[in-house]
Amino acid sequence: MKTGAIFAMVVASAMCIAARNAEKPAAPPQSTADVQGTWLGTLDAGGVKLRVAFAISNAESGLTATMDSLDQGAKGIPVAAVSYKRPVLTMAVTAIGGTYRGDLAADGETISGTWSQGGVPLPLVLTRMKQTELPAPRRPQMPVKPYPYQEEDVVIENARANVKLAGTLTVPQGQGPFPGVLLITGSGPQDRDESLMGHKPFLVLADHLTRHGIAVLRLDDRGVGRSTGDFAAATTADFSTDAEAGFLYLLSRPEIADHKVGLIGHSEGGLIAPMVAARNEKVAFIVLMAASGVPGDEVLVEQVRMMAMASGAPRDSVAAMTTRQREILTILKNEADAATRERKVREKLAGAVPEAQLATQLKTMESPWFRYFLQYNPADALRRVKCAVLAIDGDKDTQVSAQRDLPAIRDALLAGGNTHVETVDFPALNHLFQTATSGAPSEYGVIEETVSPVALNKISGWILEQAR
């Protein structure tokens, strides 16, 4: 649930981080060459190590810079102000409420200083990079070609929406027909691999399933990668028609058993899969990965609380953030006039959010997707699902509450008369089903594991049971 989660993360972080006034760049001194180049360092934030890089260059107006958070997949963050007066370098990254002050060593190869964000100072030593290519994070589960199965690029059509969806179909070697499954991505514009912070969870999942005898189709979201369409104008309901087109395509393939085709939805995909299954009785099974079972506004309020707790915020701060998030979402949900909504939200966040962040948030709040998500109750579709369902989550998930949403999903299915239901709450797994420490989204890129083998094996084993 990345878009919704990003909204909650921005609100939560904005309430923790006071807006800072950027320093005006100093006039470029003669020694600006001392600090020009790429600098790499590692922040140790409570045991979570994050590599950051600054690219500093000189322009007519003075020094400029951008920041990359390598392990979080965030690149090109603008540095609002850079000042250097030998040996002191200062930088203000107002977009995330961060500042850096460091001293350049006599040999010009290191800068020793302090990174401050949210009132928390952390030591940060930057080292000049000799090469232009920054190191990539380790991803040991990334599949390596040649694969022991067939891989085919496909393009399918959602005629209802006049959208063409590009994707990859992987089919096991050997004699078919095979069980088949469509992977449905989480929120936000996602490619077919659900790429995030250097990870490719759907590539890893598709590889695992295909090696275990299950054909897999994964698609670029509409308007993403090689798919056509307007992503920004679409809602969860619109994406469900894309998923249904993918499902019908699998039914048409001769190497796939048409009575053994199901859906796997991750996060928002876990809202979409029941929509498709509720209106198409040919769906043989669905797997819901970190899906919510309650309305969107409840999901976002709980996200703020869980993320703040995972970040170590004091209890009174957590309570204040949660209350404010609930108040903002109540405005968004109940206020019919867009201009009034914006005015009231601005009043709630006055002084807590830099204008650049606030403008982005307000734009997200008024998007068709967000307006739909805020009101949608997944129980409506779940009560109409009659096929077998596996719903899984991790107890370290801070974007969807396993303790609340798994029972809600089960209750809705049972209320509709569906008894073919299994729910699993995996210990120590986060929203991406990685083995995690806190579950905070800041860990996603730091963790080398892409998807826990425990979760992978449960999914493949359960699907094969349904196929038998």
Protein backbone atom coordinates (compact mmCIF):
# COMPACT_ATOMS: atom_id res chain seq x y z
CA MET A 1 0.00 0.00 0.00
CA LYS A 2 2.71 2.37 -1.02
CA THR A 3 0.85 5.53 -1.95
CA GLY A 4 -1.31 5.40 1.14
CA ALA A 5 1.71 4.50 3.22
CA ILE A 6 3.74 7.36 1.79
CA PHE A 7 0.94 9.76 2.73
CA ALA A 8 0.90 8.42 6.28
CA MET A 9 4.70 8.45 6.48
CA VAL A 10 4.85 12.07 5.29
CA VAL A 11 2.23 13.18 7.80
CA ALA A 12 3.90 11.28 10.62
CA SER A 13 7.38 12.51 9.78
CA ALA A 14 6.12 16.03 9.27
CA MET A 15 4.71 16.04 12.78
CA CYS A 16 8.04 14.80 14.13
CA ILE A 17 10.23 17.13 12.06
CA ALA A 18 9.89 20.90 12.42
CA ALA A 19 10.30 22.89 9.24
CA ARG A 20 13.67 24.56 8.96
CA ASN A 21 14.53 27.79 7.23
CA ALA A 22 17.12 27.16 4.55
CA GLU A 23 20.33 29.08 4.79
CA LYS A 24 21.09 31.33 1.84
CA PRO A 25 24.05 30.06 -0.13
CA ALA A 26 27.21 31.93 0.66
CA ALA A 27 29.10 33.61 -2.12
CA PRO A 28 31.32 31.00 -3.75
CA PRO A 29 34.76 31.14 -2.15
CA GLN A 30 37.90 30.34 -4.07
CA SER A 31 38.22 26.95 -2.34
CA THR A 32 34.90 25.46 -3.46
CA ALA A 33 36.84 22.84 -5.43
CA ASP A 34 37.82 21.32 -2.07
CA VAL A 35 34.33 19.89 -1.57
CA GLN A 36 33.14 19.35 -5.13
CA GLY A 37 32.49 15.72 -6.03
CA THR A 38 30.58 12.75 -4.63
CA TRP A 39 30.71 11.96 -0.92
CA LEU A 40 29.50 8.75 0.72
CA GLY A 41 28.73 8.08 4.38
CA THR A 42 26.68 5.78 6.63
CA LEU A 43 24.16 6.85 9.25
CA ASP A 44 23.62 4.53 12.23
CA ALA A 45 20.06 5.25 13.37
CA GLY A 46 19.36 2.96 16.28
CA GLY A 47 21.04 -0.03 14.68
CA VAL A 48 19.62 0.66 11.21
CA LYS A 49 22.46 1.60 8.89
CA LEU A 50 21.60 3.89 5.99
CA ARG A 51 24.11 4.86 3.32
CA VAL A 52 23.78 8.44 2.07
CA ALA A 53 25.59 10.18 -0.74
CA PHE A 54 25.96 13.88 -1.58
CA ALA A 55 26.87 15.10 -5.06
CA ILE A 56 28.30 18.62 -4.70
CA SER A 57 29.01 20.86 -7.68
CA ASN A 58 29.67 24.53 -8.38
CA ALA A 59 27.38 26.87 -10.30
CA GLU A 60 27.39 30.58 -11.02
CA SER A 61 25.25 31.18 -7.93
CA GLY A 62 27.50 29.08 -5.70
CA LEU A 63 27.65 25.48 -4.52
CA THR A 64 24.72 23.16 -5.23
CA ALA A 65 24.10 19.58 -4.18
CA THR A 66 21.72 16.64 -4.24
CA MET A 67 21.36 13.82 -1.73
CA ASP A 68 20.74 10.10 -2.29
CA SER A 69 19.56 7.71 0.41
CA LEU A 70 20.98 4.64 -1.28
CA ASP A 71 19.39 1.95 0.88
CA GLN A 72 15.97 3.59 0.72
CA GLY A 73 15.99 4.04 -3.04
CA ALA A 74 15.60 7.83 -2.75
CA LYS A 75 17.69 9.69 -5.32
CA GLY A 76 18.18 13.30 -6.27
CA ILE A 77 16.80 14.86 -3.07
CA PRO A 78 17.51 18.59 -3.49
CA VAL A 79 19.85 20.25 -1.02
CA ALA A 80 18.36 23.70 -0.51
CA ALA A 81 21.53 25.41 0.66
CA VAL A 82 25.24 24.59 0.63
CA SER A 83 27.90 26.72 2.30
CA TYR A 84 31.63 26.08 2.54
CA LYS A 85 34.16 28.17 4.42
CA ARG A 86 37.29 26.17 4.98
CA PRO A 87 37.15 23.77 6.72
CA VAL A 88 33.40 23.90 7.52
CA LEU A 89 30.77 22.52 5.14
CA THR A 90 27.07 23.03 5.93
CA MET A 91 24.07 21.72 4.00
CA ALA A 92 20.33 22.14 4.53
CA VAL A 93 18.00 19.48 3.08
CA THR A 94 14.71 21.20 3.86
CA ALA A 95 12.61 18.69 1.88
CA ILE A 96 13.20 16.15 4.64
CA GLY A 97 14.00 18.52 7.49
CA GLY A 98 17.69 17.60 7.65
CA THR A 99 20.92 19.54 8.12
CA TYR A 100 24.59 18.60 7.99
CA ARG A 101 27.66 20.35 9.40
CA GLY A 102 31.13 18.89 8.98
CA ASP A 103 34.82 19.71 8.88
CA LEU A 104 36.92 18.83 5.86
CA ALA A 105 40.10 16.95 6.78
CA ALA A 106 43.47 18.42 5.85
CA ASP A 107 43.98 15.79 3.14
CA GLY A 108 40.61 16.67 1.58
CA GLU A 109 39.42 13.05 1.57
CA THR A 110 36.94 12.99 4.48
CA ILE A 111 34.42 15.30 6.11
CA SER A 112 33.63 14.57 9.77
CA GLY A 113 30.44 16.03 11.14
CA THR A 114 26.84 15.66 12.32
CA TRP A 115 23.59 14.99 10.50
CA SER A 116 20.51 16.34 12.30
CA GLN A 117 16.93 15.44 11.53
CA GLY A 118 13.86 15.64 13.70
CA GLY A 119 15.93 17.05 16.51
CA VAL A 120 18.13 13.93 16.57
CA PRO A 121 21.87 14.46 15.88
CA LEU A 122 23.80 11.55 14.36
CA PRO A 123 27.52 11.40 13.58
CA LEU A 124 28.22 11.23 9.86
CA VAL A 125 31.62 10.90 8.23
CA LEU A 126 31.64 11.45 4.47
CA THR A 127 34.35 9.97 2.27
CA ARG A 128 35.20 11.24 -1.17
CA MET A 129 34.27 8.69 -3.82
CA LYS A 130 36.96 7.87 -6.35
CA GLN A 131 34.53 6.38 -8.86
CA THR A 132 31.37 7.91 -10.27
CA GLU A 133 29.28 4.74 -9.82
CA LEU A 134 27.92 4.39 -6.29
CA PRO A 135 27.75 0.87 -4.82
CA ALA A 136 24.45 -0.97 -5.27
CA PRO A 137 22.78 -2.68 -2.32
CA ARG A 138 23.20 -6.46 -2.00
CA ARG A 139 20.15 -8.45 -3.10
CA PRO A 140 21.14 -12.13 -2.80
CA GLN A 141 17.69 -13.45 -3.81
CA MET A 142 17.72 -11.71 -7.19
CA PRO A 143 17.22 -14.43 -9.85
CA VAL A 144 20.06 -14.90 -12.31
CA LYS A 145 19.60 -16.01 -15.91
CA PRO A 146 19.44 -18.50 -17.52
CA TYR A 147 16.21 -19.51 -15.79
CA PRO A 148 15.07 -23.16 -15.66
CA TYR A 149 11.71 -22.19 -17.20
CA GLN A 150 10.25 -20.31 -20.14
CA GLU A 151 9.95 -16.53 -20.03
CA GLU A 152 7.83 -14.55 -22.48
CA ASP A 153 7.10 -10.83 -22.84
CA VAL A 154 3.39 -10.32 -23.45
CA VAL A 155 0.97 -7.46 -24.12
CA ILE A 156 -2.68 -7.88 -23.15
CA GLU A 157 -5.61 -5.57 -23.69
CA ASN A 158 -8.14 -4.20 -21.26
CA ALA A 159 -10.67 -3.23 -23.93
CA ARG A 160 -13.04 -1.84 -21.32
CA ALA A 161 -10.50 0.86 -20.38
CA ASN A 162 -8.71 1.09 -23.75
CA VAL A 163 -5.48 0.14 -22.00
CA LYS A 164 -2.69 -2.17 -23.13
CA LEU A 165 -0.77 -3.87 -20.34
CA ALA A 166 2.77 -5.12 -20.85
CA GLY A 167 4.13 -7.90 -18.73
CA THR A 168 6.07 -11.12 -18.34
CA LEU A 169 4.68 -14.66 -18.37
CA THR A 170 6.84 -17.41 -16.89
CA VAL A 171 5.90 -21.05 -17.53
CA PRO A 172 7.51 -24.14 -15.93
CA GLN A 173 9.43 -26.61 -18.06
CA GLY A 174 7.75 -29.93 -18.69
CA GLN A 175 4.32 -31.24 -19.48
CA GLY A 176 1.41 -28.94 -18.72
CA PRO A 177 -1.17 -27.72 -18.26
CA PHE A 178 0.07 -25.94 -15.12
CA PRO A 179 -1.67 -24.00 -12.38
CA GLY A 180 -1.45 -20.28 -13.08
CA VAL A 181 -1.50 -17.09 -11.07
CA LEU A 182 -1.61 -13.34 -11.70
CA LEU A 183 0.43 -11.07 -9.41
CA ILE A 184 -1.30 -7.78 -8.51
CA THR A 185 0.87 -4.92 -7.28
CA GLY A 186 0.44 -2.62 -4.31
CA SER A 187 -0.47 1.05 -4.52
CA GLY A 188 1.52 3.68 -6.31
CA PRO A 189 2.86 3.34 -9.87
CA GLN A 190 4.48 -0.09 -9.92
CA ASP A 191 6.34 -1.99 -12.60
CA ARG A 192 5.83 -5.71 -13.14
CA ASP A 193 8.53 -6.56 -10.56
CA GLU A 194 7.02 -4.23 -7.93
CA SER A 195 10.47 -2.63 -7.75
CA LEU A 196 11.15 -0.78 -4.50
CA MET A 197 14.36 0.40 -2.84
CA GLY A 198 16.56 -1.90 -4.89
CA HIS A 199 14.27 -4.90 -4.31
CA LYS A 200 12.12 -6.68 -6.91
CA PRO A 201 9.64 -8.66 -4.78
CA PHE A 202 7.45 -9.83 -7.66
CA LEU A 203 10.45 -11.02 -9.68
CA VAL A 204 11.59 -13.07 -6.68
CA LEU A 205 8.06 -14.38 -6.05
CA ALA A 206 7.46 -15.23 -9.72
CA ASP A 207 10.80 -17.03 -9.94
CA HIS A 208 10.02 -19.10 -6.83
CA LEU A 209 6.52 -20.05 -7.96
CA THR A 210 7.57 -20.96 -11.50
CA ARG A 211 10.39 -23.17 -10.20
CA HIS A 212 7.70 -24.95 -8.16
CA GLY A 213 5.49 -25.69 -11.15
CA ILE A 214 3.18 -22.64 -11.23
CA ALA A 215 2.88 -20.34 -14.26
CA VAL A 216 3.00 -16.65 -13.34
CA LEU A 217 1.89 -13.47 -15.09
CA ARG A 218 3.05 -10.10 -13.76
CA LEU A 219 2.20 -6.77 -15.38
CA ASP A 220 3.35 -3.15 -15.42
CA ASP A 221 0.59 -0.98 -13.95
CA ARG A 222 -1.32 1.12 -16.48
CA GLY A 223 0.80 4.14 -17.44
CA VAL A 224 3.95 2.50 -16.04
CA GLY A 225 6.82 0.90 -17.93
CA ARG A 226 5.53 -0.38 -21.26
CA SER A 227 1.83 -0.24 -20.34
CA THR A 228 -0.45 2.46 -21.72
CA GLY A 229 -3.10 4.44 -19.86
CA ASP A 230 -3.28 7.20 -17.28
CA PHE A 231 -2.25 5.94 -13.86
CA ALA A 232 -3.00 9.21 -12.06
CA ALA A 233 -6.65 9.21 -13.16
CA ALA A 234 -7.36 5.64 -12.02
CA THR A 235 -8.86 4.25 -8.81
CA THR A 236 -8.58 0.84 -7.18
CA ALA A 237 -11.79 -0.15 -9.01
CA ASP A 238 -10.17 0.81 -12.34
CA PHE A 239 -7.09 -1.26 -11.54
CA SER A 240 -9.35 -4.23 -10.83
CA THR A 241 -10.42 -4.21 -14.49
CA ASP A 242 -6.73 -4.41 -15.49
CA ALA A 243 -6.29 -7.37 -13.16
CA GLU A 244 -9.35 -9.08 -14.61
CA ALA A 245 -7.94 -8.65 -18.10
CA GLY A 246 -4.74 -10.36 -16.92
CA PHE A 247 -6.73 -13.17 -15.35
CA LEU A 248 -8.73 -13.77 -18.55
CA TYR A 249 -5.48 -13.83 -20.52
CA LEU A 250 -4.17 -16.65 -18.33
CA LEU A 251 -7.37 -18.60 -18.96
CA SER A 252 -6.69 -18.35 -22.70
CA ARG A 253 -3.22 -19.89 -22.58
CA PRO A 254 -3.20 -23.60 -23.56
CA GLU A 255 -0.28 -24.47 -21.24
CA ILE A 256 -2.26 -23.27 -18.21
CA ALA A 257 -5.12 -25.26 -16.64
CA ASP A 258 -8.09 -22.90 -16.86
CA HIS A 259 -9.72 -24.35 -13.73
CA LYS A 260 -6.57 -23.77 -11.67
CA VAL A 261 -5.94 -20.05 -12.19
CA GLY A 262 -5.84 -17.69 -9.20
CA LEU A 263 -4.71 -14.28 -8.03
CA ILE A 264 -2.04 -13.03 -5.63
CA GLY A 265 -2.49 -9.46 -4.44
CA HIS A 266 0.02 -7.57 -2.32
CA SER A 267 -1.12 -4.61 -0.20
CA GLU A 268 -3.57 -2.69 -2.44
CA GLY A 269 -3.45 -5.74 -4.70
CA GLY A 270 -5.07 -7.51 -1.77
CA LEU A 271 -8.07 -5.19 -2.20
CA ILE A 272 -8.18 -5.79 -5.94
CA ALA A 273 -8.02 -9.60 -5.89
CA PRO A 274 -11.32 -9.99 -3.96
CA MET A 275 -12.99 -7.47 -6.32
CA VAL A 276 -12.09 -9.69 -9.29
CA ALA A 277 -12.93 -12.95 -7.51
CA ALA A 278 -16.28 -11.60 -6.32
CA ARG A 279 -17.46 -11.03 -9.90
CA ASN A 280 -15.75 -13.94 -11.66
CA GLU A 281 -16.50 -17.46 -10.46
CA LYS A 282 -13.67 -18.90 -12.56
CA VAL A 283 -11.11 -17.54 -10.08
CA ALA A 284 -9.91 -20.74 -8.39
CA PHE A 285 -8.16 -19.16 -5.39
CA ILE A 286 -6.72 -15.91 -4.08
CA VAL A 287 -3.71 -15.13 -1.90
CA LEU A 288 -3.86 -11.85 0.01
CA MET A 289 -0.45 -10.55 1.09
CA ALA A 290 -0.59 -7.74 3.68
CA ALA A 291 -4.12 -6.80 2.61
CA SER A 292 -6.39 -4.57 4.66
CA GLY A 293 -9.80 -5.69 5.86
CA VAL A 294 -11.12 -2.31 7.04
CA PRO A 295 -11.92 1.02 5.32
CA GLY A 296 -9.05 3.15 4.02
CA ASP A 297 -9.30 5.93 6.59
CA GLU A 298 -8.89 3.39 9.40
CA VAL A 299 -5.85 1.94 7.64
CA LEU A 300 -4.14 5.34 7.39
CA VAL A 301 -4.75 6.27 11.02
CA GLU A 302 -3.26 2.99 12.20
CA GLN A 303 -0.30 3.41 9.83
CA VAL A 304 0.66 6.66 11.53
CA ARG A 305 0.45 5.07 14.96
CA MET A 306 2.44 1.94 14.02
CA MET A 307 5.13 3.81 12.09
CA ALA A 308 5.60 6.32 14.90
CA MET A 309 5.90 3.50 17.44
CA ALA A 310 8.42 1.67 15.23
CA SER A 311 10.51 4.84 14.94
CA GLY A 312 10.73 5.09 18.73
CA ALA A 313 8.61 8.22 19.13
CA PRO A 314 7.43 8.96 22.71
CA ARG A 315 3.94 7.75 23.56
CA ASP A 316 2.52 11.25 23.95
CA SER A 317 3.88 12.19 20.52
CA VAL A 318 2.39 9.03 19.02
CA ALA A 319 -0.99 9.88 20.53
CA ALA A 320 -0.82 13.44 19.17
CA MET A 321 0.15 12.26 15.68
CA THR A 322 -2.62 9.67 15.62
CA THR A 323 -5.22 12.18 16.76
CA ARG A 324 -4.17 14.71 14.15
CA GLN A 325 -4.16 12.10 11.40
CA ARG A 326 -7.69 11.06 12.35
CA GLU A 327 -8.82 14.69 12.34
CA ILE A 328 -7.31 15.32 8.91
CA LEU A 329 -8.87 12.20 7.42
CA THR A 330 -12.25 13.09 8.91
CA ILE A 331 -12.05 16.42 7.09
CA LEU A 332 -11.07 14.72 3.84
CA LYS A 333 -13.80 12.12 4.14
CA ASN A 334 -16.70 14.34 5.20
CA GLU A 335 -16.04 17.78 3.69
CA ALA A 336 -17.59 17.93 0.22
CA ASP A 337 -15.95 21.15 -1.01
CA ALA A 338 -12.35 20.76 -2.21
CA ALA A 339 -11.32 24.33 -1.38
CA THR A 340 -12.67 23.97 2.16
CA ARG A 341 -10.88 20.66 2.57
CA GLU A 342 -7.57 22.25 1.59
CA ARG A 343 -8.04 25.23 3.90
CA LYS A 344 -8.88 23.06 6.90
CA VAL A 345 -6.00 20.65 6.28
CA ARG A 346 -3.57 23.56 5.94
CA GLU A 347 -4.77 24.87 9.28
CA LYS A 348 -4.20 21.47 10.91
CA LEU A 349 -0.65 21.19 9.56
CA ALA A 350 0.35 24.84 9.93
CA GLY A 351 3.98 25.09 11.01
CA ALA A 352 4.50 21.33 11.02
CA VAL A 353 5.10 20.67 7.32
CA PRO A 354 7.41 22.42 4.84
CA GLU A 355 5.40 23.98 2.02
CA ALA A 356 6.91 21.68 -0.62
CA GLN A 357 5.80 18.60 1.33
CA LEU A 358 2.39 20.09 2.06
CA ALA A 359 1.73 20.88 -1.60
CA THR A 360 2.58 17.28 -2.53
CA GLN A 361 0.32 15.93 0.22
CA LEU A 362 -2.60 18.11 -0.82
CA LYS A 363 -2.26 16.97 -4.42
CA THR A 364 -2.29 13.33 -3.31
CA MET A 365 -5.31 13.90 -1.08
CA GLU A 366 -7.36 15.19 -4.01
CA SER A 367 -6.40 12.42 -6.44
CA PRO A 368 -9.16 10.06 -7.64
CA TRP A 369 -7.26 7.12 -6.15
CA PHE A 370 -7.01 8.62 -2.67
CA ARG A 371 -10.63 9.82 -2.60
CA TYR A 372 -11.78 6.30 -3.51
CA PHE A 373 -9.40 4.54 -1.10
CA LEU A 374 -10.50 6.70 1.80
CA GLN A 375 -14.10 5.53 1.48
CA TYR A 376 -13.68 1.94 0.27
CA ASN A 377 -14.55 -0.95 2.61
CA PRO A 378 -12.94 -4.23 1.44
CA ALA A 379 -15.46 -6.27 3.44
CA ASP A 380 -18.04 -5.55 0.73
CA ALA A 381 -16.13 -7.61 -1.85
CA LEU A 382 -14.80 -10.19 0.62
CA ARG A 383 -18.33 -11.21 1.60
CA ARG A 384 -18.97 -12.17 -2.04
CA VAL A 385 -15.81 -14.26 -2.53
CA LYS A 386 -16.51 -18.00 -2.71
CA CYS A 387 -13.13 -19.44 -3.76
CA ALA A 388 -10.35 -20.61 -1.41
CA VAL A 389 -8.48 -17.75 0.30
CA LEU A 390 -5.07 -17.56 1.96
CA ALA A 391 -4.49 -14.26 3.81
CA ILE A 392 -1.01 -13.66 5.22
CA ASP A 393 0.82 -10.83 6.94
CA GLY A 394 3.76 -10.24 9.26
CA ASP A 395 3.57 -9.10 12.85
CA LYS A 396 6.18 -6.41 12.07
CA ASP A 397 4.01 -4.83 9.36
CA THR A 398 3.62 -1.12 10.14
CA GLN A 399 1.52 -0.33 7.07
CA VAL A 400 -1.27 -2.86 7.62
CA SER A 401 -2.05 -4.23 11.06
CA ALA A 402 -1.92 -8.03 10.97
CA GLN A 403 -3.56 -8.16 14.39
CA ARG A 404 -6.56 -6.16 13.17
CA ASP A 405 -6.83 -6.85 9.44
CA LEU A 406 -6.37 -10.62 9.28
CA PRO A 407 -9.34 -11.22 11.65
CA ALA A 408 -11.37 -8.62 9.73
CA ILE A 409 -10.68 -10.43 6.45
CA ARG A 410 -11.63 -13.80 7.97
CA ASP A 411 -14.79 -12.41 9.52
CA ALA A 412 -15.95 -10.88 6.21
CA LEU A 413 -15.33 -14.11 4.30
CA LEU A 414 -17.12 -16.21 6.92
CA ALA A 415 -20.01 -13.74 6.96
CA GLY A 416 -20.47 -14.49 3.25
CA GLY A 417 -20.48 -18.23 3.88
CA ASN A 418 -16.90 -18.94 2.70
CA THR A 419 -15.23 -21.51 4.96
CA HIS A 420 -12.23 -22.14 2.65
CA VAL A 421 -10.13 -19.60 4.52
CA GLU A 422 -6.66 -19.70 6.08
CA THR A 423 -4.91 -16.77 7.75
CA VAL A 424 -1.25 -16.68 8.83
CA ASP A 425 0.50 -14.02 10.92
CA PHE A 426 4.24 -14.58 10.39
CA PRO A 427 6.53 -13.61 13.27
CA ALA A 428 9.20 -10.97 12.54
CA LEU A 429 8.07 -10.21 8.95
CA ASN A 430 7.27 -6.70 7.71
CA HIS A 431 4.93 -5.32 5.02
CA LEU A 432 7.21 -6.66 2.26
CA PHE A 433 7.54 -10.03 4.05
CA GLN A 434 11.18 -9.41 4.87
CA THR A 435 12.65 -10.54 8.18
CA ALA A 436 12.70 -7.22 10.04
CA THR A 437 13.76 -5.63 13.32
CA SER A 438 11.28 -2.78 13.77
CA GLY A 439 9.12 -3.07 10.65
CA ALA A 440 9.62 0.62 9.87
CA PRO A 441 9.65 1.43 6.12
CA SER A 442 13.14 2.90 6.58
CA GLU A 443 14.37 -0.69 6.96
CA TYR A 444 13.04 -1.95 3.62
CA GLY A 445 16.06 -0.93 1.58
CA VAL A 446 18.57 -1.79 4.30
CA ILE A 447 17.46 -5.43 4.59
CA GLU A 448 19.20 -7.63 2.05
CA GLU A 449 16.42 -10.24 2.01
CA THR A 450 13.71 -9.45 -0.56
CA VAL A 451 11.03 -11.97 0.53
CA SER A 452 11.35 -14.42 3.41
CA PRO A 453 11.64 -18.06 2.27
CA VAL A 454 9.08 -18.91 4.95
CA ALA A 455 6.48 -16.76 3.17
CA LEU A 456 7.51 -17.97 -0.29
CA ASN A 457 7.19 -21.61 0.70
CA LYS A 458 3.82 -21.07 2.34
CA ILE A 459 2.41 -19.42 -0.77
CA SER A 460 3.69 -22.01 -3.25
CA GLY A 461 2.74 -24.95 -1.01
CA TRP A 462 -0.79 -23.62 -0.46
CA ILE A 463 -1.37 -22.98 -4.18
CA LEU A 464 -0.20 -26.48 -5.09
CA GLU A 465 -2.60 -27.89 -2.49
CA GLN A 466 -5.49 -26.03 -4.14
CA ALA A 467 -4.35 -27.25 -7.57
CA ARG A 468 -4.41 -30.86 -6.40
